[in-house]
Amino acid sequence: FPGFTGKTCNQDLNECGLKPRPCEHRCMNTHGSYKCYCLNGYMLMPDG
C-alpha cells in the first residue's frame, strides 16, 4: 500500500527522504504517510 515498503510490506516508507521531496519547506514522516509544514510567515496550501 502507499507509504509502505519491504518484501512483506512491513516497513514504513520514509517519504521525506524521497527525491523530489514531497514538501516545499519541512517534512515529517508518519506511519504510512507524511506531513508537510511551512516556515514561520508561510502557510500550507492544498497542493502542499
All heavy atoms as atom14 arrays in JSON, in Angstrom:
{
  "sequence": "FPGFTGKTCNQDLNECGLKPRPCEHRCMNTHGSYKCYCLNGYMLMPDG",
  "atom14_mask": [
    [1, 1, 1, 1, 1, 1, 1, 1, 1, 1, 1, 0, 0, 0],
    [1, 1, 1, 1, 1, 1, 1, 0, 0, 0, 0, 0, 0, 0],
    [1, 1, 1, 1, 0, 0, 0, 0, 0, 0, 0, 0, 0, 0],
    [1, 1, 1, 1, 1, 1, 1, 1, 1, 1, 1, 0, 0, 0],
    [1, 1, 1, 1, 1, 1, 1, 0, 0, 0, 0, 0, 0, 0],
    [1, 1, 1, 1, 0, 0, 0, 0, 0, 0, 0, 0, 0, 0],
    [1, 1, 1, 1, 1, 1, 1, 1, 1, 0, 0, 0, 0, 0],
    [1, 1, 1, 1, 1, 1, 1, 0, 0, 0, 0, 0, 0, 0],
    [1, 1, 1, 1, 1, 1, 0, 0, 0, 0, 0, 0, 0, 0],
    [1, 1, 1, 1, 1, 1, 1, 1, 0, 0, 0, 0, 0, 0],
    [1, 1, 1, 1, 1, 1, 1, 1, 1, 0, 0, 0, 0, 0],
    [1, 1, 1, 1, 1, 1, 1, 1, 0, 0, 0, 0, 0, 0],
    [1, 1, 1, 1, 1, 1, 1, 1, 0, 0, 0, 0, 0, 0],
    [1, 1, 1, 1, 1, 1, 1, 1, 0, 0, 0, 0, 0, 0],
    [1, 1, 1, 1, 1, 1, 1, 1, 1, 0, 0, 0, 0, 0],
    [1, 1, 1, 1, 1, 1, 0, 0, 0, 0, 0, 0, 0, 0],
    [1, 1, 1, 1, 0, 0, 0, 0, 0, 0, 0, 0, 0, 0],
    [1, 1, 1, 1, 1, 1, 1, 1, 0, 0, 0, 0, 0, 0],
    [1, 1, 1, 1, 1, 1, 1, 1, 1, 0, 0, 0, 0, 0],
    [1, 1, 1, 1, 1, 1, 1, 0, 0, 0, 0, 0, 0, 0],
    [1, 1, 1, 1, 1, 1, 1, 1, 1, 1, 1, 0, 0, 0],
    [1, 1, 1, 1, 1, 1, 1, 0, 0, 0, 0, 0, 0, 0],
    [1, 1, 1, 1, 1, 1, 0, 0, 0, 0, 0, 0, 0, 0],
    [1, 1, 1, 1, 1, 1, 1, 1, 1, 0, 0, 0, 0, 0],
    [1, 1, 1, 1, 1, 1, 1, 1, 1, 1, 0, 0, 0, 0],
    [1, 1, 1, 1, 1, 1, 1, 1, 1, 1, 1, 0, 0, 0],
    [1, 1, 1, 1, 1, 1, 0, 0, 0, 0, 0, 0, 0, 0],
    [1, 1, 1, 1, 1, 1, 1, 1, 0, 0, 0, 0, 0, 0],
    [1, 1, 1, 1, 1, 1, 1, 1, 0, 0, 0, 0, 0, 0],
    [1, 1, 1, 1, 1, 1, 1, 0, 0, 0, 0, 0, 0, 0],
    [1, 1, 1, 1, 1, 1, 1, 1, 1, 1, 0, 0, 0, 0],
    [1, 1, 1, 1, 0, 0, 0, 0, 0, 0, 0, 0, 0, 0],
    [1, 1, 1, 1, 1, 1, 0, 0, 0, 0, 0, 0, 0, 0],
    [1, 1, 1, 1, 1, 1, 1, 1, 1, 1, 1, 1, 0, 0],
    [1, 1, 1, 1, 1, 1, 1, 1, 1, 0, 0, 0, 0, 0],
    [1, 1, 1, 1, 1, 1, 0, 0, 0, 0, 0, 0, 0, 0],
    [1, 1, 1, 1, 1, 1, 1, 1, 1, 1, 1, 1, 0, 0],
    [1, 1, 1, 1, 1, 1, 0, 0, 0, 0, 0, 0, 0, 0],
    [1, 1, 1, 1, 1, 1, 1, 1, 0, 0, 0, 0, 0, 0],
    [1, 1, 1, 1, 1, 1, 1, 1, 0, 0, 0, 0, 0, 0],
    [1, 1, 1, 1, 0, 0, 0, 0, 0, 0, 0, 0, 0, 0],
    [1, 1, 1, 1, 1, 1, 1, 1, 1, 1, 1, 1, 0, 0],
    [1, 1, 1, 1, 1, 1, 1, 1, 0, 0, 0, 0, 0, 0],
    [1, 1, 1, 1, 1, 1, 1, 1, 0, 0, 0, 0, 0, 0],
    [1, 1, 1, 1, 1, 1, 1, 1, 0, 0, 0, 0, 0, 0],
    [1, 1, 1, 1, 1, 1, 1, 0, 0, 0, 0, 0, 0, 0],
    [1, 1, 1, 1, 1, 1, 1, 1, 0, 0, 0, 0, 0, 0],
    [1, 1, 1, 1, 0, 0, 0, 0, 0, 0, 0, 0, 0, 0]
  ],
  "atom14_positions": [
    [[0.86, -1.19, 0.0], [0.0, 0.0, 0.0], [0.9, 1.24, 0.0], [2.06, 1.16, 0.45], [-0.91, 0.01, 1.23], [-1.86, -1.15, 1.31], [-2.11, -1.77, 2.54], [-2.53, -1.63, 0.17], [-3.0, -2.84, 2.61], [-3.42, -2.7, 0.26], [-3.65, -3.31, 1.48], [0.0, 0.0, 0.0], [0.0, 0.0, 0.0], [0.0, 0.0, 0.0]],
    [[0.37, 2.38, -0.47], [1.21, 3.59, -0.46], [1.72, 3.89, 0.95], [0.97, 3.78, 1.93], [0.26, 4.69, -0.94], [-0.81, 3.98, -1.7], [-0.95, 2.64, -1.04], [0.0, 0.0, 0.0], [0.0, 0.0, 0.0], [0.0, 0.0, 0.0], [0.0, 0.0, 0.0], [0.0, 0.0, 0.0], [0.0, 0.0, 0.0], [0.0, 0.0, 0.0]],
    [[2.99, 4.24, 1.07], [3.58, 4.59, 2.36], [4.31, 3.44, 3.03], [4.88, 3.63, 4.11], [0.0, 0.0, 0.0], [0.0, 0.0, 0.0], [0.0, 0.0, 0.0], [0.0, 0.0, 0.0], [0.0, 0.0, 0.0], [0.0, 0.0, 0.0], [0.0, 0.0, 0.0], [0.0, 0.0, 0.0], [0.0, 0.0, 0.0], [0.0, 0.0, 0.0]],
    [[4.29, 2.23, 2.38], [4.97, 1.08, 2.97], [5.88, 0.43, 1.94], [5.69, 0.55, 0.73], [3.94, 0.07, 3.5], [3.15, 0.62, 4.65], [1.9, 1.2, 4.45], [3.66, 0.58, 5.94], [1.18, 1.73, 5.48], [2.93, 1.11, 6.99], [1.69, 1.68, 6.76], [0.0, 0.0, 0.0], [0.0, 0.0, 0.0], [0.0, 0.0, 0.0]],
    [[6.9, -0.28, 2.47], [7.89, -0.93, 1.59], [8.39, -2.21, 2.26], [7.98, -2.55, 3.36], [9.05, 0.06, 1.3], [9.91, -0.5, 0.32], [9.87, 0.38, 2.55], [0.0, 0.0, 0.0], [0.0, 0.0, 0.0], [0.0, 0.0, 0.0], [0.0, 0.0, 0.0], [0.0, 0.0, 0.0], [0.0, 0.0, 0.0], [0.0, 0.0, 0.0]],
    [[9.27, -2.91, 1.58], [9.85, -4.16, 2.1], [9.23, -5.36, 1.41], [8.19, -5.26, 0.76], [0.0, 0.0, 0.0], [0.0, 0.0, 0.0], [0.0, 0.0, 0.0], [0.0, 0.0, 0.0], [0.0, 0.0, 0.0], [0.0, 0.0, 0.0], [0.0, 0.0, 0.0], [0.0, 0.0, 0.0], [0.0, 0.0, 0.0], [0.0, 0.0, 0.0]],
    [[9.9, -6.5, 1.57], [9.46, -7.74, 0.92], [8.07, -8.15, 1.38], [7.26, -8.64, 0.6], [10.48, -8.85, 1.23], [10.69, -9.81, 0.09], [11.88, -10.71, 0.4], [11.95, -11.88, -0.53], [12.5, -11.63, -1.83], [0.0, 0.0, 0.0], [0.0, 0.0, 0.0], [0.0, 0.0, 0.0], [0.0, 0.0, 0.0], [0.0, 0.0, 0.0]],
    [[7.76, -7.9, 2.66], [6.45, -8.26, 3.19], [5.61, -7.03, 3.53], [4.64, -7.12, 4.28], [6.59, -9.16, 4.44], [7.33, -8.42, 5.43], [7.29, -10.47, 4.13], [0.0, 0.0, 0.0], [0.0, 0.0, 0.0], [0.0, 0.0, 0.0], [0.0, 0.0, 0.0], [0.0, 0.0, 0.0], [0.0, 0.0, 0.0], [0.0, 0.0, 0.0]],
    [[6.02, -5.86, 2.99], [5.3, -4.58, 3.22], [5.14, -4.27, 4.69], [4.12, -3.73, 5.12], [3.93, -4.58, 2.53], [4.02, -4.83, 0.76], [0.0, 0.0, 0.0], [0.0, 0.0, 0.0], [0.0, 0.0, 0.0], [0.0, 0.0, 0.0], [0.0, 0.0, 0.0], [0.0, 0.0, 0.0], [0.0, 0.0, 0.0], [0.0, 0.0, 0.0]],
    [[6.15, -4.57, 5.5], [6.05, -4.34, 6.94], [6.86, -3.11, 7.39], [6.89, -2.8, 8.55], [6.51, -5.58, 7.72], [7.98, -5.91, 7.49], [8.58, -5.42, 6.52], [8.56, -6.72, 8.35], [0.0, 0.0, 0.0], [0.0, 0.0, 0.0], [0.0, 0.0, 0.0], [0.0, 0.0, 0.0], [0.0, 0.0, 0.0], [0.0, 0.0, 0.0]],
    [[7.52, -2.46, 6.42], [8.35, -1.3, 6.77], [7.67, -0.01, 6.3], [7.12, 0.04, 5.2], [9.73, -1.4, 6.11], [10.57, -2.54, 6.62], [11.81, -2.75, 5.76], [11.89, -2.24, 4.64], [12.75, -3.51, 6.28], [0.0, 0.0, 0.0], [0.0, 0.0, 0.0], [0.0, 0.0, 0.0], [0.0, 0.0, 0.0], [0.0, 0.0, 0.0]],
    [[7.77, 1.0, 7.14], [7.24, 2.32, 6.79], [8.19, 2.96, 5.77], [9.39, 2.93, 5.94], [7.15, 3.2, 8.06], [6.76, 4.62, 7.73], [5.7, 4.82, 7.11], [7.52, 5.54, 8.09], [0.0, 0.0, 0.0], [0.0, 0.0, 0.0], [0.0, 0.0, 0.0], [0.0, 0.0, 0.0], [0.0, 0.0, 0.0], [0.0, 0.0, 0.0]],
    [[7.61, 3.52, 4.73], [8.41, 4.23, 3.72], [8.62, 5.67, 4.2], [7.66, 6.35, 4.53], [7.66, 4.23, 2.37], [8.29, 5.06, 1.25], [9.59, 4.43, 0.77], [7.32, 5.19, 0.08], [0.0, 0.0, 0.0], [0.0, 0.0, 0.0], [0.0, 0.0, 0.0], [0.0, 0.0, 0.0], [0.0, 0.0, 0.0], [0.0, 0.0, 0.0]],
    [[9.87, 6.12, 4.26], [10.16, 7.49, 4.67], [10.05, 8.39, 3.44], [11.01, 8.59, 2.71], [11.55, 7.59, 5.31], [11.86, 9.0, 5.77], [11.03, 9.9, 5.7], [13.08, 9.21, 6.26], [0.0, 0.0, 0.0], [0.0, 0.0, 0.0], [0.0, 0.0, 0.0], [0.0, 0.0, 0.0], [0.0, 0.0, 0.0], [0.0, 0.0, 0.0]],
    [[8.84, 8.95, 3.26], [8.59, 9.8, 2.08], [9.44, 11.06, 2.1], [9.74, 11.64, 1.06], [7.11, 10.21, 2.02], [6.14, 9.08, 1.76], [5.66, 8.39, 3.03], [6.2, 8.65, 4.11], [4.74, 7.57, 2.92], [0.0, 0.0, 0.0], [0.0, 0.0, 0.0], [0.0, 0.0, 0.0], [0.0, 0.0, 0.0], [0.0, 0.0, 0.0]],
    [[9.84, 11.49, 3.3], [10.64, 12.73, 3.42], [12.03, 12.57, 2.79], [12.67, 13.56, 2.44], [10.77, 13.14, 4.88], [9.16, 13.54, 5.62], [0.0, 0.0, 0.0], [0.0, 0.0, 0.0], [0.0, 0.0, 0.0], [0.0, 0.0, 0.0], [0.0, 0.0, 0.0], [0.0, 0.0, 0.0], [0.0, 0.0, 0.0], [0.0, 0.0, 0.0]],
    [[12.47, 11.34, 2.65], [13.79, 11.09, 2.06], [13.75, 10.89, 0.55], [14.79, 10.71, -0.09], [0.0, 0.0, 0.0], [0.0, 0.0, 0.0], [0.0, 0.0, 0.0], [0.0, 0.0, 0.0], [0.0, 0.0, 0.0], [0.0, 0.0, 0.0], [0.0, 0.0, 0.0], [0.0, 0.0, 0.0], [0.0, 0.0, 0.0], [0.0, 0.0, 0.0]],
    [[12.56, 10.92, -0.03], [12.43, 10.7, -1.48], [12.88, 11.92, -2.26], [12.86, 13.04, -1.77], [10.97, 10.38, -1.85], [10.36, 9.1, -1.28], [8.88, 9.02, -1.62], [11.09, 7.86, -1.8], [0.0, 0.0, 0.0], [0.0, 0.0, 0.0], [0.0, 0.0, 0.0], [0.0, 0.0, 0.0], [0.0, 0.0, 0.0], [0.0, 0.0, 0.0]],
    [[13.26, 11.68, -3.52], [13.58, 12.78, -4.45], [12.57, 12.69, -5.58], [12.39, 11.62, -6.12], [15.0, 12.63, -5.0], [16.1, 12.71, -3.96], [16.45, 14.13, -3.62], [17.7, 14.14, -2.75], [17.63, 14.86, -1.54], [0.0, 0.0, 0.0], [0.0, 0.0, 0.0], [0.0, 0.0, 0.0], [0.0, 0.0, 0.0], [0.0, 0.0, 0.0]],
    [[11.9, 13.75, -6.01], [11.93, 15.06, -5.36], [11.2, 15.02, -4.02], [10.3, 14.2, -3.82], [11.18, 15.95, -6.36], [10.26, 15.04, -7.08], [10.97, 13.71, -7.14], [0.0, 0.0, 0.0], [0.0, 0.0, 0.0], [0.0, 0.0, 0.0], [0.0, 0.0, 0.0], [0.0, 0.0, 0.0], [0.0, 0.0, 0.0], [0.0, 0.0, 0.0]],
    [[11.59, 15.91, -3.1], [10.98, 15.95, -1.77], [9.49, 16.28, -1.91], [9.1, 17.12, -2.71], [11.67, 17.01, -0.92], [13.09, 16.61, -0.56], [13.74, 17.6, 0.4], [13.06, 17.58, 1.69], [12.76, 18.67, 2.38], [13.05, 19.85, 1.89], [12.17, 18.58, 3.54], [0.0, 0.0, 0.0], [0.0, 0.0, 0.0], [0.0, 0.0, 0.0]],
    [[8.64, 15.62, -1.12], [7.2, 15.86, -1.25], [6.74, 17.2, -0.64], [5.65, 17.65, -0.94], [6.58, 14.68, -0.5], [7.61, 14.27, 0.5], [8.94, 14.57, -0.13], [0.0, 0.0, 0.0], [0.0, 0.0, 0.0], [0.0, 0.0, 0.0], [0.0, 0.0, 0.0], [0.0, 0.0, 0.0], [0.0, 0.0, 0.0], [0.0, 0.0, 0.0]],
    [[7.56, 17.79, 0.22], [7.18, 19.05, 0.88], [8.15, 20.16, 0.48], [9.34, 19.93, 0.28], [7.22, 18.91, 2.4], [6.13, 17.62, 3.05], [0.0, 0.0, 0.0], [0.0, 0.0, 0.0], [0.0, 0.0, 0.0], [0.0, 0.0, 0.0], [0.0, 0.0, 0.0], [0.0, 0.0, 0.0], [0.0, 0.0, 0.0], [0.0, 0.0, 0.0]],
    [[7.62, 21.39, 0.4], [8.46, 22.53, -0.02], [9.41, 22.97, 1.09], [10.57, 23.24, 0.85], [7.56, 23.69, -0.44], [8.32, 24.82, -1.11], [7.42, 25.97, -1.55], [6.18, 25.85, -1.51], [7.98, 27.0, -1.93], [0.0, 0.0, 0.0], [0.0, 0.0, 0.0], [0.0, 0.0, 0.0], [0.0, 0.0, 0.0], [0.0, 0.0, 0.0]],
    [[8.9, 23.04, 2.35], [9.73, 23.52, 3.46], [10.14, 22.39, 4.39], [11.28, 21.94, 4.36], [9.0, 24.6, 4.26], [8.93, 25.93, 3.55], [8.37, 27.05, 4.12], [9.37, 26.32, 2.33], [8.47, 28.08, 3.27], [9.05, 27.64, 2.18], [0.0, 0.0, 0.0], [0.0, 0.0, 0.0], [0.0, 0.0, 0.0], [0.0, 0.0, 0.0]],
    [[9.21, 21.93, 5.23], [9.55, 20.91, 6.22], [8.67, 19.69, 6.05], [7.49, 19.81, 5.75], [9.36, 21.47, 7.64], [10.39, 22.5, 8.02], [10.3, 22.82, 9.49], [11.32, 23.79, 9.85], [11.09, 24.86, 10.58], [9.88, 25.1, 11.04], [12.06, 25.68, 10.89], [0.0, 0.0, 0.0], [0.0, 0.0, 0.0], [0.0, 0.0, 0.0]],
    [[9.28, 18.52, 6.28], [8.56, 17.25, 6.12], [8.71, 16.44, 7.4], [9.78, 16.4, 7.99], [9.17, 16.5, 4.93], [8.37, 14.93, 4.58], [0.0, 0.0, 0.0], [0.0, 0.0, 0.0], [0.0, 0.0, 0.0], [0.0, 0.0, 0.0], [0.0, 0.0, 0.0], [0.0, 0.0, 0.0], [0.0, 0.0, 0.0], [0.0, 0.0, 0.0]],
    [[7.61, 15.79, 7.81], [7.68, 14.89, 8.96], [7.08, 13.55, 8.56], [5.93, 13.48, 8.1], [6.89, 15.47, 10.14], [7.02, 14.62, 11.4], [6.21, 15.36, 12.83], [4.59, 14.63, 12.68], [0.0, 0.0, 0.0], [0.0, 0.0, 0.0], [0.0, 0.0, 0.0], [0.0, 0.0, 0.0], [0.0, 0.0, 0.0], [0.0, 0.0, 0.0]],
    [[7.88, 12.51, 8.71], [7.41, 11.17, 8.36], [6.44, 10.67, 9.42], [6.64, 10.89, 10.6], [8.62, 10.23, 8.25], [8.2, 8.87, 7.69], [7.51, 8.81, 6.68], [8.6, 7.81, 8.36], [0.0, 0.0, 0.0], [0.0, 0.0, 0.0], [0.0, 0.0, 0.0], [0.0, 0.0, 0.0], [0.0, 0.0, 0.0], [0.0, 0.0, 0.0]],
    [[5.35, 10.04, 8.98], [4.4, 9.42, 9.9], [4.2, 7.97, 9.45], [4.66, 7.58, 8.37], [3.02, 10.15, 9.88], [2.49, 10.05, 8.56], [3.16, 11.6, 10.29], [0.0, 0.0, 0.0], [0.0, 0.0, 0.0], [0.0, 0.0, 0.0], [0.0, 0.0, 0.0], [0.0, 0.0, 0.0], [0.0, 0.0, 0.0], [0.0, 0.0, 0.0]],
    [[3.53, 7.18, 10.26], [3.31, 5.77, 9.92], [2.45, 5.66, 8.66], [1.28, 6.02, 8.67], [2.65, 5.05, 11.11], [2.48, 3.57, 10.89], [3.55, 2.71, 10.85], [1.37, 2.82, 10.68], [3.1, 1.49, 10.63], [1.78, 1.53, 10.52], [0.0, 0.0, 0.0], [0.0, 0.0, 0.0], [0.0, 0.0, 0.0], [0.0, 0.0, 0.0]],
    [[3.06, 5.22, 7.59], [2.35, 5.03, 6.33], [2.1, 6.3, 5.55], [1.48, 6.27, 4.49], [0.0, 0.0, 0.0], [0.0, 0.0, 0.0], [0.0, 0.0, 0.0], [0.0, 0.0, 0.0], [0.0, 0.0, 0.0], [0.0, 0.0, 0.0], [0.0, 0.0, 0.0], [0.0, 0.0, 0.0], [0.0, 0.0, 0.0], [0.0, 0.0, 0.0]],
    [[2.58, 7.43, 6.04], [2.33, 8.69, 5.34], [3.39, 9.72, 5.75], [4.48, 9.36, 6.22], [0.92, 9.17, 5.67], [0.6, 10.28, 4.84], [0.0, 0.0, 0.0], [0.0, 0.0, 0.0], [0.0, 0.0, 0.0], [0.0, 0.0, 0.0], [0.0, 0.0, 0.0], [0.0, 0.0, 0.0], [0.0, 0.0, 0.0], [0.0, 0.0, 0.0]],
    [[3.05, 11.02, 5.6], [3.95, 12.12, 5.97], [3.11, 13.38, 6.13], [1.97, 13.43, 5.69], [5.03, 12.32, 4.9], [4.49, 12.76, 3.56], [4.46, 14.11, 3.2], [4.0, 11.82, 2.65], [3.95, 14.51, 1.97], [3.49, 12.22, 1.42], [3.46, 13.56, 1.09], [2.95, 13.96, -0.12], [0.0, 0.0, 0.0], [0.0, 0.0, 0.0]],
    [[3.7, 14.39, 6.77], [3.04, 15.68, 6.93], [3.98, 16.78, 6.5], [5.18, 16.72, 6.78], [2.65, 15.91, 8.41], [1.34, 15.31, 8.79], [0.93, 15.73, 10.2], [-0.46, 15.22, 10.52], [-0.86, 15.52, 11.89], [0.0, 0.0, 0.0], [0.0, 0.0, 0.0], [0.0, 0.0, 0.0], [0.0, 0.0, 0.0], [0.0, 0.0, 0.0]],
    [[3.42, 17.79, 5.83], [4.22, 18.95, 5.42], [3.97, 20.11, 6.39], [2.86, 20.3, 6.86], [3.83, 19.4, 4.0], [4.29, 18.19, 2.73], [0.0, 0.0, 0.0], [0.0, 0.0, 0.0], [0.0, 0.0, 0.0], [0.0, 0.0, 0.0], [0.0, 0.0, 0.0], [0.0, 0.0, 0.0], [0.0, 0.0, 0.0], [0.0, 0.0, 0.0]],
    [[5.02, 20.87, 6.65], [4.94, 22.07, 7.48], [5.65, 23.21, 6.76], [6.55, 22.98, 5.96], [5.62, 21.84, 8.84], [4.92, 20.8, 9.68], [5.32, 19.47, 9.66], [3.85, 21.15, 10.51], [4.69, 18.5, 10.43], [3.21, 20.19, 11.28], [3.63, 18.88, 11.23], [3.0, 17.93, 11.99], [0.0, 0.0, 0.0], [0.0, 0.0, 0.0]],
    [[5.23, 24.41, 7.07], [5.86, 25.59, 6.47], [6.6, 26.4, 7.53], [6.28, 26.34, 8.71], [4.81, 26.48, 5.79], [4.02, 25.65, 4.4], [0.0, 0.0, 0.0], [0.0, 0.0, 0.0], [0.0, 0.0, 0.0], [0.0, 0.0, 0.0], [0.0, 0.0, 0.0], [0.0, 0.0, 0.0], [0.0, 0.0, 0.0], [0.0, 0.0, 0.0]],
    [[7.58, 27.16, 7.08], [8.33, 28.03, 7.97], [7.43, 29.16, 8.46], [6.38, 29.43, 7.88], [9.55, 28.62, 7.23], [10.58, 27.59, 6.75], [11.54, 28.24, 5.77], [11.34, 27.0, 7.92], [0.0, 0.0, 0.0], [0.0, 0.0, 0.0], [0.0, 0.0, 0.0], [0.0, 0.0, 0.0], [0.0, 0.0, 0.0], [0.0, 0.0, 0.0]],
    [[7.86, 29.86, 9.52], [7.09, 30.98, 10.06], [6.85, 32.04, 8.99], [7.75, 32.34, 8.2], [7.85, 31.64, 11.22], [7.52, 30.97, 12.54], [6.62, 30.15, 12.61], [8.26, 31.31, 13.58], [0.0, 0.0, 0.0], [0.0, 0.0, 0.0], [0.0, 0.0, 0.0], [0.0, 0.0, 0.0], [0.0, 0.0, 0.0], [0.0, 0.0, 0.0]],
    [[5.64, 32.59, 8.97], [5.29, 33.61, 7.98], [4.75, 33.01, 6.7], [4.42, 33.72, 5.76], [0.0, 0.0, 0.0], [0.0, 0.0, 0.0], [0.0, 0.0, 0.0], [0.0, 0.0, 0.0], [0.0, 0.0, 0.0], [0.0, 0.0, 0.0], [0.0, 0.0, 0.0], [0.0, 0.0, 0.0], [0.0, 0.0, 0.0], [0.0, 0.0, 0.0]],
    [[4.65, 31.65, 6.65], [4.11, 30.96, 5.47], [2.99, 30.05, 5.9], [2.92, 29.61, 7.04], [5.2, 30.13, 4.77], [6.25, 30.97, 4.1], [7.33, 31.46, 4.82], [6.15, 31.31, 2.76], [8.3, 32.26, 4.22], [7.11, 32.1, 2.14], [8.18, 32.57, 2.88], [9.12, 33.36, 2.29], [0.0, 0.0, 0.0], [0.0, 0.0, 0.0]],
    [[2.09, 29.76, 4.97], [1.01, 28.83, 5.29], [0.94, 27.74, 4.22], [1.26, 27.97, 3.05], [-0.32, 29.56, 5.43], [-0.78, 30.31, 4.21], [-2.25, 31.27, 4.55], [-3.43, 29.99, 4.81], [0.0, 0.0, 0.0], [0.0, 0.0, 0.0], [0.0, 0.0, 0.0], [0.0, 0.0, 0.0], [0.0, 0.0, 0.0], [0.0, 0.0, 0.0]],
    [[0.51, 26.55, 4.65], [0.44, 25.39, 3.78], [-0.77, 25.51, 2.86], [-1.88, 25.73, 3.31], [0.35, 24.12, 4.62], [0.47, 22.8, 3.89], [1.85, 22.63, 3.27], [0.19, 21.64, 4.84], [0.0, 0.0, 0.0], [0.0, 0.0, 0.0], [0.0, 0.0, 0.0], [0.0, 0.0, 0.0], [0.0, 0.0, 0.0], [0.0, 0.0, 0.0]],
    [[-0.52, 25.37, 1.57], [-1.59, 25.42, 0.58], [-2.08, 23.99, 0.3], [-1.38, 23.02, 0.58], [-1.08, 26.07, -0.71], [-0.55, 27.5, -0.52], [-1.64, 28.57, 0.4], [-2.78, 29.05, -0.87], [0.0, 0.0, 0.0], [0.0, 0.0, 0.0], [0.0, 0.0, 0.0], [0.0, 0.0, 0.0], [0.0, 0.0, 0.0], [0.0, 0.0, 0.0]],
    [[-3.29, 23.85, -0.29], [-3.83, 22.5, -0.53], [-2.92, 21.61, -1.37], [-2.92, 20.39, -1.22], [-5.15, 22.77, -1.26], [-5.54, 24.16, -0.86], [-4.25, 24.89, -0.66], [0.0, 0.0, 0.0], [0.0, 0.0, 0.0], [0.0, 0.0, 0.0], [0.0, 0.0, 0.0], [0.0, 0.0, 0.0], [0.0, 0.0, 0.0], [0.0, 0.0, 0.0]],
    [[-2.11, 22.21, -2.26], [-1.24, 21.39, -3.12], [0.1, 21.06, -2.46], [1.0, 20.51, -3.08], [-0.99, 22.1, -4.47], [-0.23, 23.41, -4.32], [0.03, 23.84, -3.17], [0.12, 24.01, -5.37], [0.0, 0.0, 0.0], [0.0, 0.0, 0.0], [0.0, 0.0, 0.0], [0.0, 0.0, 0.0], [0.0, 0.0, 0.0], [0.0, 0.0, 0.0]],
    [[0.26, 21.42, -1.16], [1.48, 21.07, -0.43], [2.56, 22.14, -0.51], [3.59, 22.01, 0.14], [0.0, 0.0, 0.0], [0.0, 0.0, 0.0], [0.0, 0.0, 0.0], [0.0, 0.0, 0.0], [0.0, 0.0, 0.0], [0.0, 0.0, 0.0], [0.0, 0.0, 0.0], [0.0, 0.0, 0.0], [0.0, 0.0, 0.0], [0.0, 0.0, 0.0]]
  ]
}
